[in-house]
Amino acid sequence: MCVVNQSLKMGKGKIAAQVGHASVQAFLNAGVTHPSEVEVWLASGQKKICLKTPEAKDFDALQKEARRLDVPTHLVHDAGHTQIPAGSQTVLALGPFDETVLDELTGHLKLL
């Protein structure tokens, strides 16, 4: 699951690239820290959902709650080569993890 920072006004291609970065890194990280969750995710169709948040400050609360629930996360900081300033928080990836827990964590967010 990926949460996109809407305040940056990224173009569609930029969002796609940032979601790609977040997804790959989250998968790699979870493979080390949560291998059983990754196995379940791989066997069940590898569901992917993109949500949005109006501001990067929301990432802090989401990450804190995710850590409390033992949900793996990865926050992408842009390199600053194209549309947005270097270091901008673009996408927060959550999981792979139990869908019920992810829904509890992100149920207040809207689909991208």
C-alpha atoms as a PDB file:
ATOM      1  CA  MET A   1       0.000   0.000   0.000  1.00  0.00           C
ATOM      2  CA  CYS A   2       1.356   3.424  -0.928  1.00  0.00           C
ATOM      3  CA  VAL A   3       0.333   6.845   0.350  1.00  0.00           C
ATOM      4  CA  VAL A   4       1.146   9.767  -1.961  1.00  0.00           C
ATOM      5  CA  ASN A   5       1.888  13.297  -0.735  1.00  0.00           C
ATOM      6  CA  GLN A   6      -0.538  15.487  -2.708  1.00  0.00           C
ATOM      7  CA  SER A   7       0.951  18.796  -1.537  1.00  0.00           C
ATOM      8  CA  LEU A   8       3.865  18.402  -3.962  1.00  0.00           C
ATOM      9  CA  LYS A   9       1.608  18.565  -7.038  1.00  0.00           C
ATOM     10  CA  MET A  10       3.645  15.840  -8.774  1.00  0.00           C
ATOM     11  CA  GLY A  11       2.780  14.886 -12.335  1.00  0.00           C
ATOM     12  CA  LYS A  12       1.370  11.435 -13.098  1.00  0.00           C
ATOM     13  CA  GLY A  13       4.696  10.083 -14.306  1.00  0.00           C
ATOM     14  CA  LYS A  14       6.507  11.388 -11.234  1.00  0.00           C
ATOM     15  CA  ILE A  15       3.911   9.795  -8.955  1.00  0.00           C
ATOM     16  CA  ALA A  16       4.257   6.499 -10.816  1.00  0.00           C
ATOM     17  CA  ALA A  17       8.048   6.561 -10.429  1.00  0.00           C
ATOM     18  CA  GLN A  18       7.881   7.443  -6.732  1.00  0.00           C
ATOM     19  CA  VAL A  19       5.300   4.715  -6.052  1.00  0.00           C
ATOM     20  CA  GLY A  20       7.596   2.304  -7.894  1.00  0.00           C
ATOM     21  CA  HIS A  21      10.550   3.288  -5.697  1.00  0.00           C
ATOM     22  CA  ALA A  22       8.431   2.924  -2.559  1.00  0.00           C
ATOM     23  CA  SER A  23       6.954  -0.430  -3.579  1.00  0.00           C
ATOM     24  CA  VAL A  24      10.255  -2.050  -4.501  1.00  0.00           C
ATOM     25  CA  GLN A  25      12.030  -0.877  -1.358  1.00  0.00           C
ATOM     26  CA  ALA A  26       9.120  -1.846   0.898  1.00  0.00           C
ATOM     27  CA  PHE A  27       9.085  -5.323  -0.650  1.00  0.00           C
ATOM     28  CA  LEU A  28      12.848  -5.723  -0.184  1.00  0.00           C
ATOM     29  CA  ASN A  29      12.730  -4.478   3.417  1.00  0.00           C
ATOM     30  CA  ALA A  30       9.754  -6.668   4.331  1.00  0.00           C
ATOM     31  CA  GLY A  31      11.488  -9.687   2.813  1.00  0.00           C
ATOM     32  CA  VAL A  32      14.089  -9.322   5.556  1.00  0.00           C
ATOM     33  CA  THR A  33      11.929  -8.173   8.469  1.00  0.00           C
ATOM     34  CA  HIS A  34       8.572  -9.857   7.709  1.00  0.00           C
ATOM     35  CA  PRO A  35       9.222 -12.826   5.374  1.00  0.00           C
ATOM     36  CA  SER A  36       6.000 -14.653   6.288  1.00  0.00           C
ATOM     37  CA  GLU A  37       3.928 -11.564   5.407  1.00  0.00           C
ATOM     38  CA  VAL A  38       5.722 -11.354   2.053  1.00  0.00           C
ATOM     39  CA  GLU A  39       4.977 -15.026   1.342  1.00  0.00           C
ATOM     40  CA  VAL A  40       1.273 -14.497   2.052  1.00  0.00           C
ATOM     41  CA  TRP A  41       1.226 -11.346  -0.112  1.00  0.00           C
ATOM     42  CA  LEU A  42       2.952 -13.125  -3.012  1.00  0.00           C
ATOM     43  CA  ALA A  43       0.594 -16.111  -2.799  1.00  0.00           C
ATOM     44  CA  SER A  44      -2.538 -13.958  -2.641  1.00  0.00           C
ATOM     45  CA  GLY A  45      -2.141 -11.839  -5.780  1.00  0.00           C
ATOM     46  CA  GLN A  46       0.182  -9.069  -4.578  1.00  0.00           C
ATOM     47  CA  LYS A  47      -2.556  -6.490  -3.993  1.00  0.00           C
ATOM     48  CA  LYS A  48      -1.478  -2.883  -4.451  1.00  0.00           C
ATOM     49  CA  ILE A  49      -3.448   0.186  -3.366  1.00  0.00           C
ATOM     50  CA  CYS A  50      -2.536   3.856  -3.764  1.00  0.00           C
ATOM     51  CA  LEU A  51      -3.977   6.375  -1.340  1.00  0.00           C
ATOM     52  CA  LYS A  52      -3.379  10.084  -0.918  1.00  0.00           C
ATOM     53  CA  THR A  53      -2.712  12.487   1.900  1.00  0.00           C
ATOM     54  CA  PRO A  54      -2.851  16.275   1.652  1.00  0.00           C
ATOM     55  CA  GLU A  55       0.487  16.911   3.390  1.00  0.00           C
ATOM     56  CA  ALA A  56       3.795  15.204   4.174  1.00  0.00           C
ATOM     57  CA  LYS A  57       3.309  15.893   7.892  1.00  0.00           C
ATOM     58  CA  ASP A  58       0.704  13.116   7.877  1.00  0.00           C
ATOM     59  CA  PHE A  59       3.485  10.621   7.123  1.00  0.00           C
ATOM     60  CA  ASP A  60       4.910  11.042  10.639  1.00  0.00           C
ATOM     61  CA  ALA A  61       1.710   9.926  12.357  1.00  0.00           C
ATOM     62  CA  LEU A  62       1.197   7.084   9.876  1.00  0.00           C
ATOM     63  CA  GLN A  63       4.754   5.813  10.344  1.00  0.00           C
ATOM     64  CA  LYS A  64       4.516   6.032  14.126  1.00  0.00           C
ATOM     65  CA  GLU A  65       1.267   4.054  14.194  1.00  0.00           C
ATOM     66  CA  ALA A  66       2.608   1.561  11.630  1.00  0.00           C
ATOM     67  CA  ARG A  67       5.649   0.899  13.800  1.00  0.00           C
ATOM     68  CA  ARG A  68       3.404   0.405  16.829  1.00  0.00           C
ATOM     69  CA  LEU A  69       1.464  -2.208  14.840  1.00  0.00           C
ATOM     70  CA  ASP A  70       4.704  -3.788  13.504  1.00  0.00           C
ATOM     71  CA  VAL A  71       3.833  -2.842   9.907  1.00  0.00           C
ATOM     72  CA  PRO A  72       6.931  -2.470   7.705  1.00  0.00           C
ATOM     73  CA  THR A  73       7.304   0.975   6.110  1.00  0.00           C
ATOM     74  CA  HIS A  74       9.475   2.828   3.647  1.00  0.00           C
ATOM     75  CA  LEU A  75       9.397   6.595   3.135  1.00  0.00           C
ATOM     76  CA  VAL A  76      10.728   7.908  -0.184  1.00  0.00           C
ATOM     77  CA  HIS A  77      12.688  11.175  -0.195  1.00  0.00           C
ATOM     78  CA  ASP A  78      13.091  12.608  -3.690  1.00  0.00           C
ATOM     79  CA  ALA A  79      16.565  13.198  -5.113  1.00  0.00           C
ATOM     80  CA  GLY A  80      15.489  16.547  -6.555  1.00  0.00           C
ATOM     81  CA  HIS A  81      16.527  15.926 -10.164  1.00  0.00           C
ATOM     82  CA  THR A  82      13.215  16.838 -11.805  1.00  0.00           C
ATOM     83  CA  GLN A  83       9.958  18.358 -10.535  1.00  0.00           C
ATOM     84  CA  ILE A  84      10.368  18.795  -6.791  1.00  0.00           C
ATOM     85  CA  PRO A  85      13.010  19.865  -4.254  1.00  0.00           C
ATOM     86  CA  ALA A  86      15.589  17.355  -3.012  1.00  0.00           C
ATOM     87  CA  GLY A  87      14.574  15.645   0.199  1.00  0.00           C
ATOM     88  CA  SER A  88      10.841  16.053  -0.355  1.00  0.00           C
ATOM     89  CA  GLN A  89       8.812  13.236   1.199  1.00  0.00           C
ATOM     90  CA  THR A  90       6.864  11.848  -1.746  1.00  0.00           C
ATOM     91  CA  VAL A  91       5.425   8.413  -0.906  1.00  0.00           C
ATOM     92  CA  LEU A  92       5.075   6.277   2.205  1.00  0.00           C
ATOM     93  CA  ALA A  93       4.849   2.539   1.542  1.00  0.00           C
ATOM     94  CA  LEU A  94       3.151   0.324   4.132  1.00  0.00           C
ATOM     95  CA  GLY A  95       3.459  -3.453   4.085  1.00  0.00           C
ATOM     96  CA  PRO A  96       3.157  -6.036   2.755  1.00  0.00           C
ATOM     97  CA  PHE A  97       1.134  -6.850   5.839  1.00  0.00           C
ATOM     98  CA  ASP A  98      -2.221  -8.161   7.038  1.00  0.00           C
ATOM     99  CA  GLU A  99      -4.973  -6.364   5.110  1.00  0.00           C
ATOM    100  CA  THR A 100      -7.135  -5.835   8.193  1.00  0.00           C
ATOM    101  CA  VAL A 101      -4.318  -4.033   9.983  1.00  0.00           C
ATOM    102  CA  LEU A 102      -3.520  -1.911   6.917  1.00  0.00           C
ATOM    103  CA  ASP A 103      -7.198  -0.963   6.611  1.00  0.00           C
ATOM    104  CA  GLU A 104      -7.248   0.071  10.274  1.00  0.00           C
ATOM    105  CA  LEU A 105      -4.154   2.189   9.723  1.00  0.00           C
ATOM    106  CA  THR A 106      -5.265   3.895   6.502  1.00  0.00           C
ATOM    107  CA  GLY A 107      -9.069   3.736   6.545  1.00  0.00           C
ATOM    108  CA  HIS A 108      -9.333   7.513   6.870  1.00  0.00           C
ATOM    109  CA  LEU A 109      -7.426   8.137   3.612  1.00  0.00           C
ATOM    110  CA  LYS A 110      -8.937   8.416   0.132  1.00  0.00           C
ATOM    111  CA  LEU A 111      -7.903   6.520  -2.973  1.00  0.00           C
ATOM    112  CA  LEU A 112      -5.464   8.270  -5.269  1.00  0.00           C
END
